[in-house]
Amino acid sequence: AQTTVDGVEGVQSLVGQHLGYSDWVTITQEQVDQFAEATGDHQWIHVDVERAKDSPFGGTIAHGFLTLSLIPVFAQQIFDLQFGDAKLNYGCDSVRFTNPVPVGSRVRATATFEGVKQLEKGVQITTKYVVEIEGVERPALVAQQITLVLG
């Protein structure tokens, strides 16, 4: 169930607490191919299904940045910030691609607020996301993402 967050005080009260899980998402070859088209990253390990069968991964893998790009979708499923006029992606303090995501596998995210800072124009929230691969102990991705909530 999605965590509802009311105001800055709500974020502050949840710092350090696990906020929940997103839904599972299956990573498809079509999605990987579309990401390759959108970004120009056509490295064979992502798009050459036949060649990738002989790779150490046994098949194609998702781009790390594709996995990272799913965070906004995951975030909407995990929590709902019930304040502010605009929510802007300000960037990441850190991103680590800790395990490849094989095409056909399912991934989901967990989220934890790590910090909140009051600014002149709004609030800066740092959220830690861990993207898990179904059935695999080591996560695919660990990222600290910063959101600016204006107004």
C-alpha atoms as a PDB file:
ATOM      1  CA  ALA A   1       0.000   0.000   0.000  1.00  0.00           C
ATOM      2  CA  GLN A   2       1.210   3.471  -0.872  1.00  0.00           C
ATOM      3  CA  THR A   3       2.494   5.634   1.988  1.00  0.00           C
ATOM      4  CA  THR A   4       0.786   9.044   2.124  1.00  0.00           C
ATOM      5  CA  VAL A   5       3.076  11.860   3.260  1.00  0.00           C
ATOM      6  CA  ASP A   6       1.485  15.056   4.587  1.00  0.00           C
ATOM      7  CA  GLY A   7       3.816  18.039   4.628  1.00  0.00           C
ATOM      8  CA  VAL A   8       7.438  18.477   5.579  1.00  0.00           C
ATOM      9  CA  GLU A   9       6.687  17.206   9.072  1.00  0.00           C
ATOM     10  CA  GLY A  10       5.377  13.992   7.516  1.00  0.00           C
ATOM     11  CA  VAL A  11       8.632  13.482   5.600  1.00  0.00           C
ATOM     12  CA  GLN A  12      10.692  14.237   8.721  1.00  0.00           C
ATOM     13  CA  SER A  13       8.696  11.737  10.784  1.00  0.00           C
ATOM     14  CA  LEU A  14       9.418   9.008   8.225  1.00  0.00           C
ATOM     15  CA  VAL A  15      13.184   9.568   7.796  1.00  0.00           C
ATOM     16  CA  GLY A  16      14.971   6.257   8.192  1.00  0.00           C
ATOM     17  CA  GLN A  17      11.806   4.159   7.917  1.00  0.00           C
ATOM     18  CA  HIS A  18      11.126   1.704   5.111  1.00  0.00           C
ATOM     19  CA  LEU A  19       8.299   3.231   3.031  1.00  0.00           C
ATOM     20  CA  GLY A  20       7.262   0.109   1.170  1.00  0.00           C
ATOM     21  CA  TYR A  21       7.626  -1.685  -2.143  1.00  0.00           C
ATOM     22  CA  SER A  22       6.660  -0.868  -5.692  1.00  0.00           C
ATOM     23  CA  ASP A  23       4.932  -3.366  -7.949  1.00  0.00           C
ATOM     24  CA  TRP A  24       7.070  -5.862  -9.839  1.00  0.00           C
ATOM     25  CA  VAL A  25       7.962  -4.834 -13.411  1.00  0.00           C
ATOM     26  CA  THR A  26       9.087  -7.317 -16.059  1.00  0.00           C
ATOM     27  CA  ILE A  27      12.006  -6.062 -18.144  1.00  0.00           C
ATOM     28  CA  THR A  28      11.303  -6.948 -21.776  1.00  0.00           C
ATOM     29  CA  GLN A  29      13.591  -6.998 -24.804  1.00  0.00           C
ATOM     30  CA  GLU A  30      11.235  -4.545 -26.506  1.00  0.00           C
ATOM     31  CA  GLN A  31      11.692  -2.114 -23.610  1.00  0.00           C
ATOM     32  CA  VAL A  32      15.492  -2.512 -23.761  1.00  0.00           C
ATOM     33  CA  ASP A  33      15.457  -1.999 -27.545  1.00  0.00           C
ATOM     34  CA  GLN A  34      13.314   1.139 -27.166  1.00  0.00           C
ATOM     35  CA  PHE A  35      15.702   2.470 -24.531  1.00  0.00           C
ATOM     36  CA  ALA A  36      18.622   1.792 -26.905  1.00  0.00           C
ATOM     37  CA  GLU A  37      16.814   3.755 -29.631  1.00  0.00           C
ATOM     38  CA  ALA A  38      16.022   6.639 -27.287  1.00  0.00           C
ATOM     39  CA  THR A  39      19.587   6.920 -25.946  1.00  0.00           C
ATOM     40  CA  GLY A  40      21.722   5.702 -28.845  1.00  0.00           C
ATOM     41  CA  ASP A  41      23.286   3.013 -26.613  1.00  0.00           C
ATOM     42  CA  HIS A  42      23.186  -0.071 -28.838  1.00  0.00           C
ATOM     43  CA  GLN A  43      25.880  -2.104 -27.064  1.00  0.00           C
ATOM     44  CA  TRP A  44      25.455  -5.734 -28.103  1.00  0.00           C
ATOM     45  CA  ILE A  45      24.971  -7.031 -24.541  1.00  0.00           C
ATOM     46  CA  HIS A  46      21.670  -5.144 -24.518  1.00  0.00           C
ATOM     47  CA  VAL A  47      20.344  -5.587 -28.056  1.00  0.00           C
ATOM     48  CA  ASP A  48      21.978  -8.592 -29.777  1.00  0.00           C
ATOM     49  CA  VAL A  49      19.951 -11.511 -28.409  1.00  0.00           C
ATOM     50  CA  GLU A  50      21.897 -14.212 -30.299  1.00  0.00           C
ATOM     51  CA  ARG A  51      25.372 -12.932 -29.436  1.00  0.00           C
ATOM     52  CA  ALA A  52      24.373 -12.332 -25.799  1.00  0.00           C
ATOM     53  CA  LYS A  53      23.484 -16.031 -25.363  1.00  0.00           C
ATOM     54  CA  ASP A  54      27.240 -16.723 -25.335  1.00  0.00           C
ATOM     55  CA  SER A  55      27.977 -13.927 -22.839  1.00  0.00           C
ATOM     56  CA  PRO A  56      28.672 -14.516 -19.140  1.00  0.00           C
ATOM     57  CA  PHE A  57      25.060 -13.411 -18.523  1.00  0.00           C
ATOM     58  CA  GLY A  58      23.518 -16.023 -20.842  1.00  0.00           C
ATOM     59  CA  GLY A  59      21.362 -13.410 -22.536  1.00  0.00           C
ATOM     60  CA  THR A  60      20.749  -9.713 -22.947  1.00  0.00           C
ATOM     61  CA  ILE A  61      20.707  -7.412 -19.938  1.00  0.00           C
ATOM     62  CA  ALA A  62      18.981  -4.103 -19.324  1.00  0.00           C
ATOM     63  CA  HIS A  63      20.947  -0.872 -19.483  1.00  0.00           C
ATOM     64  CA  GLY A  64      21.813   0.355 -16.002  1.00  0.00           C
ATOM     65  CA  PHE A  65      20.309   3.712 -16.877  1.00  0.00           C
ATOM     66  CA  LEU A  66      17.081   1.985 -17.943  1.00  0.00           C
ATOM     67  CA  THR A  67      16.809   0.513 -14.456  1.00  0.00           C
ATOM     68  CA  LEU A  68      17.557   3.944 -12.958  1.00  0.00           C
ATOM     69  CA  SER A  69      14.927   5.569 -15.191  1.00  0.00           C
ATOM     70  CA  LEU A  70      12.214   3.398 -13.605  1.00  0.00           C
ATOM     71  CA  ILE A  71      12.636   5.148 -10.235  1.00  0.00           C
ATOM     72  CA  PRO A  72       9.945   7.812 -10.871  1.00  0.00           C
ATOM     73  CA  VAL A  73       7.402   5.077 -11.657  1.00  0.00           C
ATOM     74  CA  PHE A  74       8.437   3.086  -8.599  1.00  0.00           C
ATOM     75  CA  ALA A  75       8.347   6.202  -6.392  1.00  0.00           C
ATOM     76  CA  GLN A  76       4.740   6.978  -7.369  1.00  0.00           C
ATOM     77  CA  GLN A  77       3.745   3.474  -6.328  1.00  0.00           C
ATOM     78  CA  ILE A  78       5.579   3.619  -2.981  1.00  0.00           C
ATOM     79  CA  PHE A  79       4.690   7.052  -1.607  1.00  0.00           C
ATOM     80  CA  ASP A  80       2.568  10.107  -2.337  1.00  0.00           C
ATOM     81  CA  LEU A  81       3.807  13.546  -1.297  1.00  0.00           C
ATOM     82  CA  GLN A  82       0.607  15.427  -0.440  1.00  0.00           C
ATOM     83  CA  PHE A  83       2.176  18.882  -0.512  1.00  0.00           C
ATOM     84  CA  GLY A  84       3.964  21.291  -2.829  1.00  0.00           C
ATOM     85  CA  ASP A  85       3.130  22.663  -6.255  1.00  0.00           C
ATOM     86  CA  ALA A  86       5.930  20.997  -8.236  1.00  0.00           C
ATOM     87  CA  LYS A  87       8.202  18.050  -7.583  1.00  0.00           C
ATOM     88  CA  LEU A  88      11.481  18.268  -9.494  1.00  0.00           C
ATOM     89  CA  ASN A  89      14.213  15.678  -9.911  1.00  0.00           C
ATOM     90  CA  TYR A  90      17.331  17.471  -8.663  1.00  0.00           C
ATOM     91  CA  GLY A  91      19.701  14.577  -9.303  1.00  0.00           C
ATOM     92  CA  CYS A  92      21.421  11.807  -7.413  1.00  0.00           C
ATOM     93  CA  ASP A  93      24.061  11.852  -4.706  1.00  0.00           C
ATOM     94  CA  SER A  94      25.067   8.338  -5.645  1.00  0.00           C
ATOM     95  CA  VAL A  95      24.050   5.595  -8.040  1.00  0.00           C
ATOM     96  CA  ARG A  96      25.529   2.118  -8.028  1.00  0.00           C
ATOM     97  CA  PHE A  97      24.615  -0.574 -10.536  1.00  0.00           C
ATOM     98  CA  THR A  98      25.354  -3.543  -8.288  1.00  0.00           C
ATOM     99  CA  ASN A  99      23.981  -6.424 -10.359  1.00  0.00           C
ATOM    100  CA  PRO A 100      22.988  -6.822 -14.036  1.00  0.00           C
ATOM    101  CA  VAL A 101      19.274  -7.177 -14.815  1.00  0.00           C
ATOM    102  CA  PRO A 102      18.660 -10.022 -17.276  1.00  0.00           C
ATOM    103  CA  VAL A 103      15.949  -9.345 -19.840  1.00  0.00           C
ATOM    104  CA  GLY A 104      12.846 -11.245 -18.785  1.00  0.00           C
ATOM    105  CA  SER A 105      13.459 -10.784 -15.069  1.00  0.00           C
ATOM    106  CA  ARG A 106      11.223  -8.822 -12.738  1.00  0.00           C
ATOM    107  CA  VAL A 107      12.373  -5.852 -10.677  1.00  0.00           C
ATOM    108  CA  ARG A 108      10.827  -3.720  -7.951  1.00  0.00           C
ATOM    109  CA  ALA A 109      12.031  -0.943  -5.670  1.00  0.00           C
ATOM    110  CA  THR A 110      12.022  -0.130  -2.001  1.00  0.00           C
ATOM    111  CA  ALA A 111      12.379   3.419  -0.717  1.00  0.00           C
ATOM    112  CA  THR A 112      13.574   5.139   2.451  1.00  0.00           C
ATOM    113  CA  PHE A 113      13.687   8.877   3.108  1.00  0.00           C
ATOM    114  CA  GLU A 114      17.254   9.661   4.188  1.00  0.00           C
ATOM    115  CA  GLY A 115      17.000  13.378   4.742  1.00  0.00           C
ATOM    116  CA  VAL A 116      14.890  16.484   4.397  1.00  0.00           C
ATOM    117  CA  LYS A 117      16.112  20.047   4.233  1.00  0.00           C
ATOM    118  CA  GLN A 118      13.994  23.197   4.305  1.00  0.00           C
ATOM    119  CA  LEU A 119      15.050  25.641   1.570  1.00  0.00           C
ATOM    120  CA  GLU A 120      13.942  29.161   0.746  1.00  0.00           C
ATOM    121  CA  LYS A 121      11.849  27.967  -2.215  1.00  0.00           C
ATOM    122  CA  GLY A 122      10.672  24.644  -0.796  1.00  0.00           C
ATOM    123  CA  VAL A 123      11.977  21.353   0.523  1.00  0.00           C
ATOM    124  CA  GLN A 124      14.817  19.079  -0.586  1.00  0.00           C
ATOM    125  CA  ILE A 125      14.213  15.380   0.079  1.00  0.00           C
ATOM    126  CA  THR A 126      16.863  12.674  -0.282  1.00  0.00           C
ATOM    127  CA  THR A 127      15.413   9.218  -0.882  1.00  0.00           C
ATOM    128  CA  LYS A 128      17.344   5.960  -1.025  1.00  0.00           C
ATOM    129  CA  TYR A 129      16.023   3.479  -3.564  1.00  0.00           C
ATOM    130  CA  VAL A 130      17.050  -0.156  -3.773  1.00  0.00           C
ATOM    131  CA  VAL A 131      15.943  -1.950  -6.942  1.00  0.00           C
ATOM    132  CA  GLU A 132      15.629  -5.679  -6.380  1.00  0.00           C
ATOM    133  CA  ILE A 133      15.650  -8.498  -8.926  1.00  0.00           C
ATOM    134  CA  GLU A 134      13.103 -11.181  -8.139  1.00  0.00           C
ATOM    135  CA  GLY A 135      14.804 -14.268  -6.684  1.00  0.00           C
ATOM    136  CA  VAL A 136      18.250 -12.635  -6.511  1.00  0.00           C
ATOM    137  CA  GLU A 137      19.816 -11.595  -3.217  1.00  0.00           C
ATOM    138  CA  ARG A 138      22.067  -8.768  -4.448  1.00  0.00           C
ATOM    139  CA  PRO A 139      20.101  -5.749  -5.714  1.00  0.00           C
ATOM    140  CA  ALA A 140      20.378  -4.381  -9.236  1.00  0.00           C
ATOM    141  CA  LEU A 141      20.678  -0.764  -8.153  1.00  0.00           C
ATOM    142  CA  VAL A 142      21.152   1.404  -5.086  1.00  0.00           C
ATOM    143  CA  ALA A 143      20.607   5.147  -5.553  1.00  0.00           C
ATOM    144  CA  GLN A 144      20.212   8.261  -3.442  1.00  0.00           C
ATOM    145  CA  GLN A 145      17.886  10.554  -5.387  1.00  0.00           C
ATOM    146  CA  ILE A 146      17.138  14.172  -4.521  1.00  0.00           C
ATOM    147  CA  THR A 147      13.724  15.737  -5.067  1.00  0.00           C
ATOM    148  CA  LEU A 148      12.937  19.452  -4.792  1.00  0.00           C
ATOM    149  CA  VAL A 149       9.382  20.100  -3.680  1.00  0.00           C
ATOM    150  CA  LEU A 150       8.480  23.690  -4.576  1.00  0.00           C
ATOM    151  CA  GLY A 151       5.660  25.788  -3.208  1.00  0.00           C
END
